[in-house]
Amino acid sequence: MLLRLIPQETKVNFLGMRKIAAVLSVLLGIASITLFAVNSLNYGIDFQGGIEVEFGFEDRTVDIGQIRAVVAPLGMGDVSVKSIDEGNSALIRIERQPGGDQAQSDATLRVRQAFEAALPDIQFRQGNIIGPVVSGELKRDGVLAVSIAVIAVLIYIWFRFEWQFGLGAVIALVHDVLLTIGFFAVTRLDFNLSIIAALLTIVGYSLNDTVVVYDRVRENIRKYRKMPMEEVLNLSLNQTLSRTVMTSVTTLLALFALFFLGGDVIQGFTAAMIWGVVIGTYSSIFVASPLLMFFKIRREAMILDDDSKDPTVDKSRPGQFGQF
């Protein structure tokens, strides 16, 4: 049904809008950097530190909903709950409370007393305070993970295509990550390790879309050797448009379902993914592709010397002496 709504042969002048898109991307990038510098991010437990408490039962599995119902009325801010030890225990992480270590110890005692009152058969297993040193290491590892992913993309695209393609793809990926950081600076959603996973997923999604477009650009450069580069890029984007729209829409349908029905636990992750899919689709069309014109890509590097060995060369028309 969705395929019928998307024209198979579109003629949208994407490259004609590249200047407007460039100005928009630059403004959004500057706004993201400014917001991050001024407001920073609303770091969650993973980066800010906090309290980690484990409870369990001897003869039954924990009910996560029941655990949340006990913790929520305490008003301790960001709380994450997950089942461990084959479902017999629950690991509760609570954001750092105002005050020093004594405030964290008092909060741990308060949580313990609340559970013992609500669930008499529950057992307190352990309680730990997550300090700023551990949180700092997580920040460093998160930045390192995203940086390594972007560098690996640059190397992969460079070897598969040309350096112009690799640089264009990396700029588009940095654009996506930067605008996602700006999104979290504006919305003040919790920024935790699951968001780092979302950023890496966005990098992969955006890269996949960009590589599909770049593959078609390379094929069309070989096939239409005399066609101006702007027309080649427009043709390639229009040829891959139906695939791009289909992939984005179906992904967004699943993400919106998770966002509205998945609960608070994965809301930040799905919000990041929804934003990333939209921005990734935008960047593959209006950032990655126009950059090929800016970097003045060389056609000669992608055209094979022997036309007979190039399956993408248009052989339907006769050559100069074909009519004889």
Protein backbone atom coordinates (compact mmCIF):
# COMPACT_ATOMS: atom_id res chain seq x y z
CA MET A 1 0.00 0.00 0.00
CA LEU A 2 2.78 2.41 0.94
CA LEU A 3 4.64 1.67 -2.29
CA ARG A 4 1.62 2.81 -4.30
CA LEU A 5 1.65 6.18 -2.57
CA ILE A 6 5.29 6.83 -3.59
CA PRO A 7 5.83 7.70 -7.27
CA GLN A 8 8.37 5.38 -8.84
CA GLU A 9 9.83 8.11 -11.06
CA THR A 10 10.22 11.41 -9.24
CA LYS A 11 11.99 14.48 -10.58
CA VAL A 12 12.67 16.52 -7.46
CA ASN A 13 15.46 19.08 -7.79
CA PHE A 14 17.19 18.25 -4.52
CA LEU A 15 20.45 19.93 -5.48
CA GLY A 16 18.57 23.12 -6.26
CA MET A 17 17.79 23.36 -2.54
CA ARG A 18 21.34 22.69 -1.38
CA LYS A 19 22.10 26.30 -0.40
CA ILE A 20 18.99 26.57 1.77
CA ALA A 21 19.79 23.18 3.32
CA ALA A 22 23.41 24.22 3.94
CA VAL A 23 22.33 27.40 5.76
CA LEU A 24 19.79 25.42 7.81
CA SER A 25 22.36 22.77 8.76
CA VAL A 26 24.96 25.36 9.77
CA LEU A 27 22.43 27.28 11.90
CA LEU A 28 21.22 24.09 13.59
CA GLY A 29 24.83 23.00 14.19
CA ILE A 30 25.74 26.36 15.78
CA ALA A 31 22.57 26.25 17.89
CA SER A 32 23.41 22.72 19.08
CA ILE A 33 26.95 23.69 20.09
CA THR A 34 25.69 26.83 21.86
CA LEU A 35 22.97 24.95 23.75
CA PHE A 36 25.45 22.26 24.80
CA ALA A 37 27.93 24.88 26.00
CA VAL A 38 25.29 26.85 27.91
CA ASN A 39 22.90 24.17 29.22
CA SER A 40 25.03 21.04 28.84
CA LEU A 41 22.97 17.83 28.97
CA ASN A 42 20.66 16.33 31.53
CA TYR A 43 23.04 13.51 32.41
CA GLY A 44 21.42 10.41 33.83
CA ILE A 45 22.61 8.03 36.51
CA ASP A 46 25.27 6.48 34.28
CA PHE A 47 27.16 9.77 33.89
CA GLN A 48 26.15 11.76 36.95
CA GLY A 49 26.52 9.04 39.54
CA GLY A 50 24.00 7.96 42.16
CA ILE A 51 22.84 4.99 44.20
CA GLU A 52 22.71 1.33 43.19
CA VAL A 53 20.59 -1.02 45.31
CA GLU A 54 19.83 -4.72 44.80
CA PHE A 55 16.80 -6.54 46.20
CA GLY A 56 15.60 -10.09 45.64
CA PHE A 57 13.37 -12.95 46.68
CA GLU A 58 14.24 -16.48 47.72
CA ASP A 59 11.36 -18.37 46.15
CA ARG A 60 9.89 -16.15 43.42
CA THR A 61 10.83 -13.81 40.64
CA VAL A 62 10.62 -10.06 40.98
CA ASP A 63 7.80 -8.03 39.45
CA ILE A 64 9.40 -4.96 37.86
CA GLY A 65 6.11 -3.07 37.95
CA GLN A 66 5.77 -3.77 41.65
CA ILE A 67 9.34 -2.59 42.28
CA ARG A 68 8.69 0.65 40.41
CA ALA A 69 5.48 1.21 42.40
CA VAL A 70 7.51 1.17 45.62
CA VAL A 71 10.29 3.48 44.38
CA ALA A 72 8.18 6.07 42.52
CA PRO A 73 6.49 7.69 45.58
CA LEU A 74 9.88 8.35 47.19
CA GLY A 75 10.50 11.26 44.79
CA MET A 76 14.19 10.59 44.21
CA GLY A 77 14.33 11.66 40.58
CA ASP A 78 15.58 9.45 37.76
CA VAL A 79 15.22 5.76 38.60
CA SER A 80 16.05 2.71 36.47
CA VAL A 81 15.04 -0.83 37.37
CA LYS A 82 16.14 -4.04 35.69
CA SER A 83 15.81 -7.72 36.45
CA ILE A 84 19.00 -9.72 37.12
CA ASP A 85 20.01 -13.16 38.44
CA GLU A 86 17.52 -14.98 36.19
CA GLY A 87 14.67 -12.78 37.41
CA ASN A 88 15.15 -13.44 41.14
CA SER A 89 16.66 -10.02 41.85
CA ALA A 90 16.06 -6.41 40.86
CA LEU A 91 18.85 -3.86 40.39
CA ILE A 92 17.65 -0.33 41.14
CA ARG A 93 19.71 2.71 40.15
CA ILE A 94 18.73 6.13 41.50
CA GLU A 95 20.22 9.47 40.50
CA ARG A 96 22.63 11.21 42.85
CA GLN A 97 20.80 13.02 45.65
CA PRO A 98 21.66 16.59 46.71
CA GLY A 99 24.42 16.59 49.32
CA GLY A 100 27.52 14.54 49.94
CA ASP A 101 28.08 10.84 50.62
CA GLN A 102 25.99 11.01 53.78
CA ALA A 103 22.97 12.08 51.71
CA GLN A 104 23.50 9.06 49.47
CA SER A 105 23.71 6.73 52.47
CA ASP A 106 20.53 8.22 53.92
CA ALA A 107 18.75 7.75 50.60
CA THR A 108 19.87 4.11 50.46
CA LEU A 109 18.47 3.51 53.95
CA ARG A 110 15.22 5.20 52.99
CA VAL A 111 14.83 2.96 49.93
CA ARG A 112 15.57 -0.13 52.01
CA GLN A 113 12.98 0.81 54.63
CA ALA A 114 10.36 1.49 51.94
CA PHE A 115 10.83 -1.97 50.42
CA GLU A 116 10.84 -3.77 53.76
CA ALA A 117 7.56 -2.05 54.64
CA ALA A 118 5.86 -2.72 51.30
CA LEU A 119 7.26 -6.20 50.63
CA PRO A 120 8.10 -8.02 53.90
CA ASP A 121 9.51 -11.09 52.14
CA ILE A 122 12.00 -9.10 50.04
CA GLN A 123 15.71 -9.38 50.82
CA PHE A 124 18.22 -6.55 50.70
CA ARG A 125 21.26 -7.85 48.79
CA GLN A 126 23.60 -4.87 48.48
CA GLY A 127 23.80 -1.09 48.16
CA ASN A 128 26.53 0.94 46.45
CA ILE A 129 27.23 4.61 45.78
CA ILE A 130 28.32 5.34 42.20
CA GLY A 131 30.93 8.07 42.43
CA PRO A 132 32.01 10.76 39.95
CA VAL A 133 35.16 8.82 38.98
CA VAL A 134 33.15 5.97 37.48
CA SER A 135 30.81 8.47 35.80
CA GLY A 136 33.78 10.32 34.28
CA GLU A 137 35.12 7.07 32.84
CA LEU A 138 31.72 6.36 31.26
CA LYS A 139 31.70 9.81 29.62
CA ARG A 140 35.16 9.21 28.21
CA ASP A 141 34.26 5.73 26.96
CA GLY A 142 31.05 7.04 25.36
CA VAL A 143 32.86 9.80 23.46
CA LEU A 144 35.56 7.30 22.45
CA ALA A 145 32.98 4.80 21.14
CA VAL A 146 31.26 7.39 18.92
CA SER A 147 34.61 8.76 17.70
CA ILE A 148 35.93 5.31 16.76
CA ALA A 149 32.69 4.58 14.89
CA VAL A 150 33.00 7.80 12.84
CA ILE A 151 36.69 7.16 12.05
CA ALA A 152 35.91 3.58 10.99
CA VAL A 153 33.21 4.92 8.66
CA LEU A 154 35.70 7.34 7.11
CA ILE A 155 38.19 4.54 6.40
CA TYR A 156 35.51 2.19 5.04
CA ILE A 157 33.97 4.76 2.66
CA TRP A 158 37.41 6.00 1.57
CA PHE A 159 38.52 2.53 0.46
CA ARG A 160 35.17 1.58 -1.05
CA PHE A 161 34.71 4.79 -3.06
CA GLU A 162 36.95 7.88 -3.13
CA TRP A 163 38.14 10.24 -0.42
CA GLN A 164 35.44 12.75 -1.38
CA PHE A 165 32.76 10.15 -0.59
CA GLY A 166 34.41 9.28 2.72
CA LEU A 167 34.71 12.90 3.82
CA GLY A 168 31.15 13.66 2.74
CA ALA A 169 29.78 10.67 4.69
CA VAL A 170 31.74 11.58 7.84
CA ILE A 171 30.60 15.22 7.73
CA ALA A 172 27.01 13.98 7.40
CA LEU A 173 27.49 11.64 10.39
CA VAL A 174 29.03 14.38 12.54
CA HIS A 175 26.10 16.58 11.49
CA ASP A 176 23.63 13.90 12.70
CA VAL A 177 25.40 13.32 16.02
CA LEU A 178 25.79 17.06 16.68
CA LEU A 179 22.10 17.77 16.02
CA THR A 180 21.10 14.84 18.22
CA ILE A 181 23.17 16.32 21.06
CA GLY A 182 21.38 19.62 20.46
CA PHE A 183 18.03 17.81 20.58
CA PHE A 184 18.83 16.44 24.03
CA ALA A 185 20.10 19.83 25.20
CA VAL A 186 16.71 21.34 24.24
CA THR A 187 14.39 18.58 25.45
CA ARG A 188 16.35 17.90 28.68
CA LEU A 189 15.68 14.18 28.34
CA ASP A 190 17.99 11.97 30.40
CA PHE A 191 21.28 11.37 28.64
CA ASN A 192 22.57 7.94 29.68
CA LEU A 193 24.36 4.92 28.23
CA SER A 194 21.27 3.91 26.24
CA ILE A 195 21.56 7.22 24.37
CA ILE A 196 25.16 6.38 23.46
CA ALA A 197 23.79 3.13 22.00
CA ALA A 198 21.19 5.21 20.13
CA LEU A 199 23.91 7.50 18.74
CA LEU A 200 25.87 4.50 17.45
CA THR A 201 22.66 3.10 15.92
CA ILE A 202 21.98 6.47 14.26
CA VAL A 203 25.50 6.43 12.82
CA GLY A 204 24.84 2.98 11.33
CA TYR A 205 21.40 3.94 9.99
CA SER A 206 22.60 7.18 8.43
CA LEU A 207 25.64 5.45 6.94
CA ASN A 208 23.49 2.74 5.37
CA ASP A 209 21.26 5.33 3.71
CA THR A 210 24.26 7.36 2.52
CA VAL A 211 26.04 4.31 1.06
CA VAL A 212 22.91 3.37 -0.92
CA VAL A 213 22.82 6.86 -2.45
CA TYR A 214 26.58 6.87 -3.07
CA ASP A 215 26.41 3.48 -4.80
CA ARG A 216 23.77 4.81 -7.18
CA VAL A 217 25.82 7.97 -7.78
CA ARG A 218 28.84 5.86 -8.77
CA GLU A 219 26.72 3.72 -11.11
CA ASN A 220 25.21 6.76 -12.77
CA ILE A 221 28.60 8.47 -13.16
CA ARG A 222 29.76 5.39 -15.11
CA LYS A 223 26.53 5.15 -17.07
CA TYR A 224 26.00 8.81 -17.98
CA ARG A 225 29.51 10.06 -18.55
CA LYS A 226 28.57 13.35 -20.20
CA MET A 227 25.78 14.27 -17.80
CA PRO A 228 26.57 17.26 -15.51
CA MET A 229 27.33 16.25 -11.94
CA GLU A 230 24.33 18.12 -10.52
CA GLU A 231 22.00 16.15 -12.79
CA VAL A 232 23.73 12.87 -11.89
CA LEU A 233 23.23 13.57 -8.19
CA ASN A 234 19.59 14.58 -8.67
CA LEU A 235 18.94 11.47 -10.75
CA SER A 236 20.56 9.23 -8.12
CA LEU A 237 18.61 10.79 -5.26
CA ASN A 238 15.32 10.44 -7.13
CA GLN A 239 16.06 6.83 -8.03
CA THR A 240 16.70 5.93 -4.36
CA LEU A 241 13.92 8.13 -2.96
CA SER A 242 11.26 5.42 -2.77
CA ARG A 243 13.65 3.10 -0.93
CA THR A 244 14.66 5.90 1.46
CA VAL A 245 11.07 6.87 2.24
CA MET A 246 9.97 3.25 2.69
CA THR A 247 12.83 2.49 5.10
CA SER A 248 12.32 5.68 7.10
CA VAL A 249 8.52 5.39 7.39
CA THR A 250 8.51 1.74 8.44
CA THR A 251 11.28 2.38 10.98
CA LEU A 252 9.43 5.40 12.38
CA LEU A 253 6.19 3.43 12.75
CA ALA A 254 7.95 0.91 14.98
CA LEU A 255 9.76 3.63 16.94
CA PHE A 256 6.62 5.66 17.59
CA ALA A 257 4.92 2.51 18.89
CA LEU A 258 7.84 1.97 21.29
CA PHE A 259 7.88 5.63 22.30
CA PHE A 260 4.20 5.76 23.27
CA LEU A 261 3.74 2.20 24.53
CA GLY A 262 7.20 1.15 25.73
CA GLY A 263 7.19 3.08 28.98
CA ASP A 264 9.66 5.51 30.54
CA VAL A 265 12.55 3.05 30.51
CA ILE A 266 13.17 3.24 26.75
CA GLN A 267 11.56 6.61 26.04
CA GLY A 268 14.89 8.43 25.80
CA PHE A 269 16.36 5.79 23.50
CA THR A 270 13.35 5.78 21.16
CA ALA A 271 13.19 9.60 21.15
CA ALA A 272 16.84 9.70 20.08
CA MET A 273 16.18 7.10 17.38
CA ILE A 274 13.13 8.95 16.01
CA TRP A 275 15.10 12.16 15.79
CA GLY A 276 18.08 10.28 14.33
CA VAL A 277 16.03 8.64 11.57
CA VAL A 278 14.59 12.00 10.51
CA ILE A 279 17.96 13.78 10.63
CA GLY A 280 19.76 10.81 9.02
CA THR A 281 17.35 10.81 6.08
CA TYR A 282 17.73 14.58 5.72
CA SER A 283 21.54 14.45 5.84
CA SER A 284 21.88 11.65 3.28
CA ILE A 285 19.92 13.78 0.80
CA PHE A 286 20.83 17.37 1.62
CA VAL A 287 24.28 17.05 3.24
CA ALA A 288 26.18 13.97 2.04
CA SER A 289 25.21 14.25 -1.64
CA PRO A 290 25.74 18.01 -2.22
CA LEU A 291 29.18 17.74 -0.60
CA LEU A 292 30.31 15.64 -3.57
CA MET A 293 29.87 18.70 -5.78
CA PHE A 294 31.66 20.90 -3.25
CA PHE A 295 34.66 18.53 -3.15
CA LYS A 296 34.68 18.31 -6.97
CA ILE A 297 34.68 14.53 -7.28
CA ARG A 298 36.78 13.08 -10.10
CA ARG A 299 34.79 11.02 -12.59
CA GLU A 300 37.94 9.39 -14.01
CA ALA A 301 38.58 7.45 -10.80
CA MET A 302 35.25 5.61 -11.12
CA ILE A 303 35.18 4.96 -14.88
CA LEU A 304 36.74 1.67 -15.94
CA ASP A 305 39.19 1.74 -18.87
CA ASP A 306 37.47 -1.15 -20.63
CA ASP A 307 33.76 -0.40 -21.17
CA SER A 308 33.01 -4.04 -21.91
CA LYS A 309 33.96 -4.95 -18.34
CA ASP A 310 31.81 -2.24 -16.80
CA PRO A 311 28.26 -3.59 -16.27
CA THR A 312 26.91 -0.12 -15.51
CA VAL A 313 27.84 1.45 -18.86
CA ASP A 314 24.80 2.06 -21.07
CA LYS A 315 25.32 -0.23 -24.08
CA SER A 316 21.80 0.17 -25.48
CA ARG A 317 22.89 2.93 -27.87
CA PRO A 318 25.28 2.17 -30.77
CA GLY A 319 28.78 3.58 -30.69
CA GLN A 320 30.34 5.94 -33.19
CA PHE A 321 30.65 3.22 -35.88
CA GLY A 322 27.95 0.93 -34.53
CA GLN A 323 25.63 1.65 -37.47
CA PHE A 324 28.16 0.17 -39.88
